[in-house]
Amino acid sequence: MKQKFLTAIIALAVMVGTGVSAPLHQVAHAQTFSDVPSTNPYYSSIEALVASGVLQGYPDGTFKPNQPVNRAEAIKMVLTGIGDKPSNGLYNTGFTDVPLDVWYAGYVFEGALKGIIHGNPDGTFAGSRTVNKAEFLKMTEQAFQVDLSPYQNITGNIAADVPAGTWFTPYVGYAKAVGLIYATVEDTLSPEKLLTRGECAQILHKMMYVKQGGYVQERLSMAEASIIDALLKVYRNDIDGAVAQAGIALERSEEALNINPESETVQATHLLAEAFQKLFQAYKAGTLQSYAHVVLYVNEAKSLADQAVEVSSSAQYFATQVHEHGDSLLSQVKL
């Protein structure tokens, strides 16, 4: 059962994370680049950003999704994402290693002016150095003026490799909360990982998606991210953590529902959040050998999932997962 459960978790994470087939994020494009087929995990993000003029490919018809991104390329990518394209000219950036006429000087100048980048203590920008995940998240979130106040004074670990108190904790904390990134089954987020063009495209695309949708979409993204995190916690046998994350998902979806109660997507997401909360409560009841409660919670979860599908067909995949895991639990009940 554990392998089947992990397969379902991965499917859900891919669905929500990449936008390839996510019901709330779905984007359809014809293949543009010879090296980015529709099966590529970054396909949807790359196609969307190219279509909107944020990114470009190479003259040979490739995108090179696995090519590393340096800091100069990263700041250009982020600023283009917010529609800020400096004019040609000479720019005194204040960084000793950025010539006035280098191609990225204007982007570095604008990035520093907006407080997106600050450089190194020795007065350099290090534009040729490959950007890591924490740096790119900071650039992206600063550019889109994300409110990081809820993540400034976090006392617990964001993940096994993201302790409280580091400079990147708020940025990684927000990114995880809204689904820009997801933890592995080992509860790692790899903040120091060097990023590729495909990975940067995916993060930027998700950030644009969240911000363009406003507060309601941000709440829905947080709810989806919490559901994925809860599923991963169940896989790691952290049932209490899963129940807690399900509660957070329910809170976020309820906030969205309070703002836009007429939206079928919001209604369906809220019902699914309730369904998953019941499902995780059923797992908890099972660990306590309270089998009557397992049956009760599973049936309630399945009913809520069915209601979500009635409201919006986009909920079908999540609802199917609720039914399958619920039925698996019921098959193990001893009354």
Protein backbone atom coordinates (compact mmCIF):
# COMPACT_ATOMS: atom_id res chain seq x y z
CA MET A 1 0.00 0.00 0.00
CA LYS A 2 2.88 2.35 0.82
CA GLN A 3 4.26 2.27 -2.73
CA LYS A 4 0.80 2.89 -4.17
CA PHE A 5 0.35 5.77 -1.76
CA LEU A 6 3.70 7.27 -2.75
CA THR A 7 2.74 7.01 -6.42
CA ALA A 8 -0.46 8.94 -5.70
CA ILE A 9 1.47 11.59 -3.77
CA ILE A 10 3.91 12.08 -6.64
CA ALA A 11 1.02 12.31 -9.11
CA LEU A 12 -0.67 14.95 -6.98
CA ALA A 13 2.56 16.89 -6.51
CA VAL A 14 3.27 16.86 -10.24
CA MET A 15 -0.31 17.85 -11.01
CA VAL A 16 -0.29 20.86 -8.70
CA GLY A 17 3.41 21.63 -8.93
CA THR A 18 4.03 21.71 -12.66
CA GLY A 19 0.63 22.77 -13.92
CA VAL A 20 0.87 20.12 -16.64
CA SER A 21 -2.53 18.69 -15.87
CA ALA A 22 -3.66 20.56 -12.78
CA PRO A 23 -7.36 21.41 -12.96
CA LEU A 24 -6.85 24.79 -11.29
CA HIS A 25 -3.72 25.69 -13.30
CA GLN A 26 -4.26 24.08 -16.68
CA VAL A 27 -2.57 25.70 -19.66
CA ALA A 28 -2.45 24.16 -23.15
CA HIS A 29 0.29 25.01 -25.66
CA ALA A 30 1.77 23.45 -28.76
CA GLN A 31 5.40 22.38 -28.39
CA THR A 32 7.70 25.28 -29.25
CA PHE A 33 11.17 23.88 -28.58
CA SER A 34 12.73 20.67 -29.85
CA ASP A 35 14.23 19.90 -26.43
CA VAL A 36 11.10 20.63 -24.36
CA PRO A 37 8.46 18.00 -25.19
CA SER A 38 5.10 17.98 -23.42
CA THR A 39 6.46 15.30 -21.07
CA ASN A 40 9.10 17.67 -19.71
CA PRO A 41 8.22 18.67 -16.11
CA TYR A 42 8.80 22.34 -16.97
CA TYR A 43 6.96 22.29 -20.29
CA SER A 44 3.86 24.20 -19.19
CA SER A 45 5.84 26.91 -17.40
CA ILE A 46 8.29 27.38 -20.26
CA GLU A 47 5.56 27.56 -22.89
CA ALA A 48 3.52 30.04 -20.84
CA LEU A 49 6.47 32.36 -20.18
CA VAL A 50 7.63 32.26 -23.79
CA ALA A 51 4.10 33.00 -25.01
CA SER A 52 3.93 36.03 -22.70
CA GLY A 53 7.32 37.32 -23.82
CA VAL A 54 9.09 36.76 -20.51
CA LEU A 55 11.52 34.12 -21.81
CA GLN A 56 13.11 33.30 -25.14
CA GLY A 57 14.72 30.25 -26.66
CA TYR A 58 17.83 29.92 -28.78
CA PRO A 59 18.20 30.42 -32.56
CA ASP A 60 18.64 26.67 -33.06
CA GLY A 61 15.09 26.04 -31.83
CA THR A 62 16.07 24.82 -28.37
CA PHE A 63 15.41 26.19 -24.90
CA LYS A 64 18.12 24.29 -23.00
CA PRO A 65 16.00 23.64 -19.88
CA ASN A 66 18.89 21.90 -18.09
CA GLN A 67 21.38 24.71 -18.62
CA PRO A 68 22.46 26.48 -15.39
CA VAL A 69 21.27 30.05 -14.80
CA ASN A 70 23.74 32.64 -13.54
CA ARG A 71 22.84 35.60 -11.33
CA ALA A 72 22.86 38.07 -14.23
CA GLU A 73 20.42 35.92 -16.19
CA ALA A 74 18.30 35.41 -13.08
CA ILE A 75 17.78 39.11 -12.38
CA LYS A 76 16.88 39.69 -16.03
CA MET A 77 14.37 36.85 -15.90
CA VAL A 78 12.74 38.16 -12.73
CA LEU A 79 12.55 41.79 -13.84
CA THR A 80 11.10 40.78 -17.20
CA GLY A 81 8.51 38.80 -15.26
CA ILE A 82 7.23 42.01 -13.64
CA GLY A 83 7.35 43.89 -16.95
CA ASP A 84 10.48 45.91 -16.17
CA LYS A 85 12.85 46.08 -19.14
CA PRO A 86 15.59 48.73 -18.84
CA SER A 87 16.44 50.77 -21.91
CA ASN A 88 19.81 50.44 -23.59
CA GLY A 89 22.54 52.65 -22.19
CA LEU A 90 25.30 52.95 -19.64
CA TYR A 91 24.48 52.09 -16.04
CA ASN A 92 26.58 52.72 -12.97
CA THR A 93 25.34 49.93 -10.73
CA GLY A 94 27.75 50.57 -7.89
CA PHE A 95 29.11 47.03 -8.16
CA THR A 96 32.82 46.82 -8.96
CA ASP A 97 32.43 43.80 -11.25
CA VAL A 98 29.59 45.16 -13.42
CA PRO A 99 30.94 47.27 -16.32
CA LEU A 100 28.83 50.25 -17.37
CA ASP A 101 28.11 48.80 -20.81
CA VAL A 102 27.72 45.08 -20.08
CA TRP A 103 24.42 43.63 -21.35
CA TYR A 104 22.98 43.04 -17.89
CA ALA A 105 24.04 46.35 -16.28
CA GLY A 106 20.57 47.85 -16.70
CA TYR A 107 18.92 44.89 -15.03
CA VAL A 108 21.38 44.94 -12.13
CA PHE A 109 20.83 48.70 -11.76
CA GLU A 110 17.05 48.28 -11.65
CA GLY A 111 17.31 45.28 -9.34
CA ALA A 112 19.46 47.16 -6.87
CA LEU A 113 17.25 50.26 -7.09
CA LYS A 114 14.17 48.19 -6.23
CA GLY A 115 15.94 46.38 -3.39
CA ILE A 116 15.75 43.03 -5.15
CA ILE A 117 19.50 42.46 -5.07
CA HIS A 118 22.20 43.73 -2.72
CA GLY A 119 25.39 42.07 -3.88
CA ASN A 120 28.26 40.81 -1.77
CA PRO A 121 30.12 42.41 1.17
CA ASP A 122 33.15 43.00 -1.07
CA GLY A 123 31.12 45.26 -3.38
CA THR A 124 30.69 42.73 -6.18
CA PHE A 125 27.56 41.31 -7.81
CA ALA A 126 29.08 38.05 -9.09
CA GLY A 127 26.86 37.95 -12.15
CA SER A 128 28.54 34.90 -13.63
CA ARG A 129 27.96 32.73 -10.58
CA THR A 130 25.14 30.17 -10.89
CA VAL A 131 22.10 31.22 -8.87
CA ASN A 132 20.85 28.89 -6.15
CA LYS A 133 17.27 28.21 -5.13
CA ALA A 134 17.27 30.46 -2.06
CA GLU A 135 18.71 33.39 -4.02
CA PHE A 136 16.25 33.01 -6.88
CA LEU A 137 13.31 32.76 -4.48
CA LYS A 138 14.46 35.95 -2.77
CA MET A 139 14.82 37.79 -6.09
CA THR A 140 11.42 36.60 -7.26
CA GLU A 141 9.53 37.36 -4.06
CA GLN A 142 11.17 40.79 -3.66
CA ALA A 143 10.35 41.64 -7.27
CA PHE A 144 6.69 40.71 -6.81
CA GLN A 145 6.55 42.53 -3.45
CA VAL A 146 5.41 39.51 -1.47
CA ASP A 147 4.32 40.17 2.12
CA LEU A 148 6.81 38.10 4.08
CA SER A 149 5.81 39.34 7.53
CA PRO A 150 4.11 36.02 8.50
CA TYR A 151 7.41 34.23 7.84
CA GLN A 152 9.88 36.62 9.47
CA ASN A 153 9.79 35.21 13.00
CA ILE A 154 9.24 31.50 12.41
CA THR A 155 10.57 29.48 15.34
CA GLY A 156 10.35 25.97 13.91
CA ASN A 157 12.13 24.40 10.96
CA ILE A 158 10.57 24.96 7.54
CA ALA A 159 12.09 21.66 6.43
CA ALA A 160 14.85 19.34 7.53
CA ASP A 161 17.39 21.50 5.69
CA VAL A 162 15.74 24.90 6.34
CA PRO A 163 16.10 25.77 10.03
CA ALA A 164 14.62 28.85 11.66
CA GLY A 165 16.76 31.97 11.73
CA THR A 166 18.61 31.77 8.41
CA TRP A 167 18.51 34.68 5.97
CA PHE A 168 16.55 32.58 3.49
CA THR A 169 14.00 31.11 5.94
CA PRO A 170 11.25 33.68 5.15
CA TYR A 171 11.67 33.30 1.39
CA VAL A 172 11.70 29.52 1.44
CA GLY A 173 8.87 29.49 3.99
CA TYR A 174 6.61 31.56 1.74
CA ALA A 175 7.57 29.56 -1.34
CA LYS A 176 6.63 26.31 0.36
CA ALA A 177 3.40 27.76 1.76
CA VAL A 178 2.05 28.88 -1.62
CA GLY A 179 3.38 25.93 -3.60
CA LEU A 180 6.28 27.53 -5.49
CA ILE A 181 8.35 24.59 -4.24
CA TYR A 182 7.58 21.30 -2.51
CA ALA A 183 9.47 19.23 0.03
CA THR A 184 10.72 15.77 -0.81
CA VAL A 185 9.56 12.69 1.08
CA GLU A 186 12.70 13.19 3.20
CA ASP A 187 11.36 16.66 4.11
CA THR A 188 14.11 18.56 2.28
CA LEU A 189 13.82 21.70 0.12
CA SER A 190 17.47 22.08 -1.01
CA PRO A 191 17.81 25.89 -0.67
CA GLU A 192 21.42 25.79 -1.90
CA LYS A 193 20.63 23.79 -5.06
CA LEU A 194 21.96 25.44 -8.22
CA LEU A 195 19.10 26.10 -10.61
CA THR A 196 18.57 25.45 -14.29
CA ARG A 197 16.56 27.41 -16.85
CA GLY A 198 13.67 24.98 -16.50
CA GLU A 199 13.61 25.21 -12.72
CA CYS A 200 13.77 29.01 -12.74
CA ALA A 201 10.99 29.13 -15.32
CA GLN A 202 8.77 26.97 -13.14
CA ILE A 203 9.28 29.07 -10.01
CA LEU A 204 8.73 32.34 -11.88
CA HIS A 205 5.65 31.00 -13.65
CA LYS A 206 4.11 29.88 -10.37
CA MET A 207 4.88 33.23 -8.76
CA MET A 208 3.24 35.11 -11.61
CA TYR A 209 0.25 32.79 -11.45
CA VAL A 210 -0.21 33.35 -7.73
CA LYS A 211 0.13 37.14 -7.91
CA GLN A 212 -2.00 37.61 -11.01
CA GLY A 213 -4.81 35.73 -9.30
CA GLY A 214 -4.64 37.98 -6.27
CA TYR A 215 -5.34 37.02 -2.68
CA VAL A 216 -7.97 34.40 -3.46
CA GLN A 217 -5.69 32.42 -5.74
CA GLU A 218 -2.87 32.76 -3.22
CA ARG A 219 -5.10 31.20 -0.55
CA LEU A 220 -6.05 28.36 -2.90
CA SER A 221 -2.40 27.73 -3.74
CA MET A 222 -1.60 27.61 -0.03
CA ALA A 223 -4.44 25.13 0.52
CA GLU A 224 -3.19 22.89 -2.29
CA ALA A 225 0.39 23.06 -0.99
CA SER A 226 -0.78 22.10 2.51
CA ILE A 227 -2.71 19.11 1.14
CA ILE A 228 0.41 17.88 -0.68
CA ASP A 229 2.47 18.40 2.47
CA ALA A 230 -0.11 16.48 4.50
CA LEU A 231 0.04 13.55 2.06
CA LEU A 232 3.82 13.50 2.34
CA LYS A 233 3.59 13.52 6.12
CA VAL A 234 1.25 10.51 6.04
CA TYR A 235 3.79 8.73 3.87
CA ARG A 236 6.43 9.51 6.50
CA ASN A 237 4.05 8.21 9.22
CA ASP A 238 3.70 11.70 10.70
CA ILE A 239 -0.07 11.44 11.14
CA ASP A 240 -0.31 14.31 13.63
CA GLY A 241 1.60 16.53 11.21
CA ALA A 242 -0.72 15.51 8.39
CA VAL A 243 -3.81 16.37 10.43
CA ALA A 244 -2.27 19.75 11.28
CA GLN A 245 -1.48 20.50 7.63
CA ALA A 246 -5.00 19.49 6.63
CA GLY A 247 -6.28 22.01 9.15
CA ILE A 248 -4.13 24.71 7.58
CA ALA A 249 -5.45 23.78 4.12
CA LEU A 250 -8.99 24.13 5.43
CA GLU A 251 -8.23 27.54 6.94
CA ARG A 252 -6.71 28.85 3.70
CA SER A 253 -9.58 27.59 1.56
CA GLU A 254 -12.08 29.07 3.99
CA GLU A 255 -10.38 32.46 3.68
CA ALA A 256 -10.73 32.23 -0.10
CA LEU A 257 -14.36 31.18 0.26
CA ASN A 258 -15.12 34.17 2.48
CA ILE A 259 -13.79 36.52 -0.21
CA ASN A 260 -15.29 34.84 -3.26
CA PRO A 261 -18.16 32.57 -2.18
CA GLU A 262 -19.66 32.44 -5.69
CA SER A 263 -16.62 30.84 -7.32
CA GLU A 264 -17.15 27.17 -8.13
CA THR A 265 -13.40 26.58 -8.01
CA VAL A 266 -13.19 28.07 -4.52
CA GLN A 267 -16.22 26.08 -3.35
CA ALA A 268 -14.77 22.83 -4.72
CA THR A 269 -11.35 23.47 -3.20
CA HIS A 270 -12.90 24.13 0.20
CA LEU A 271 -14.92 20.92 0.04
CA LEU A 272 -11.80 18.98 -0.96
CA ALA A 273 -9.88 20.49 1.93
CA GLU A 274 -12.64 19.31 4.26
CA ALA A 275 -12.54 15.87 2.63
CA PHE A 276 -8.79 15.51 3.11
CA GLN A 277 -9.05 16.65 6.70
CA LYS A 278 -11.57 13.86 7.34
CA LEU A 279 -9.33 11.38 5.51
CA PHE A 280 -6.33 12.24 7.68
CA GLN A 281 -8.51 12.05 10.78
CA ALA A 282 -9.39 8.55 9.63
CA TYR A 283 -5.68 7.68 9.42
CA LYS A 284 -5.25 9.05 12.94
CA ALA A 285 -8.19 7.01 14.21
CA GLY A 286 -6.66 3.93 12.63
CA THR A 287 -3.41 4.39 14.54
CA LEU A 288 -5.48 4.52 17.73
CA GLN A 289 -7.40 1.39 16.66
CA SER A 290 -10.63 3.38 16.81
CA TYR A 291 -12.08 1.54 13.83
CA ALA A 292 -15.62 2.87 14.16
CA HIS A 293 -14.22 6.38 13.74
CA VAL A 294 -12.22 5.25 10.72
CA VAL A 295 -15.45 4.22 9.01
CA LEU A 296 -17.18 7.44 10.06
CA TYR A 297 -14.39 9.74 8.84
CA VAL A 298 -13.84 7.88 5.57
CA ASN A 299 -17.53 8.03 4.67
CA GLU A 300 -17.64 11.73 5.50
CA ALA A 301 -14.51 12.32 3.40
CA LYS A 302 -15.96 10.50 0.40
CA SER A 303 -19.23 12.40 0.70
CA LEU A 304 -17.41 15.75 0.75
CA ALA A 305 -15.28 14.71 -2.23
CA ASP A 306 -18.41 13.80 -4.18
CA GLN A 307 -19.92 17.18 -3.35
CA ALA A 308 -16.77 18.88 -4.66
CA VAL A 309 -17.12 17.09 -8.01
CA GLU A 310 -20.77 18.10 -8.21
CA VAL A 311 -19.70 21.72 -7.81
CA SER A 312 -16.77 21.54 -10.25
CA SER A 313 -15.54 18.70 -12.44
CA SER A 314 -11.98 20.00 -11.92
CA ALA A 315 -12.10 18.34 -8.50
CA GLN A 316 -12.37 14.83 -9.97
CA TYR A 317 -8.71 13.83 -9.62
CA PHE A 318 -8.46 14.86 -5.98
CA ALA A 319 -11.85 13.28 -5.25
CA THR A 320 -10.71 10.00 -6.77
CA GLN A 321 -7.67 10.01 -4.49
CA VAL A 322 -9.93 10.53 -1.46
CA HIS A 323 -12.07 7.56 -2.50
CA GLU A 324 -9.13 5.28 -3.25
CA HIS A 325 -7.28 5.97 -0.01
CA GLY A 326 -10.52 5.85 1.94
CA ASP A 327 -11.42 2.46 0.50
CA SER A 328 -7.92 1.21 1.25
CA LEU A 329 -8.34 2.24 4.88
CA LEU A 330 -11.75 0.59 5.12
CA SER A 331 -10.32 -2.66 3.78
CA GLN A 332 -8.00 -2.78 6.79
CA VAL A 333 -10.63 -2.01 9.42
CA LYS A 334 -11.36 -4.68 12.01
CA LEU A 335 -14.80 -4.20 13.53
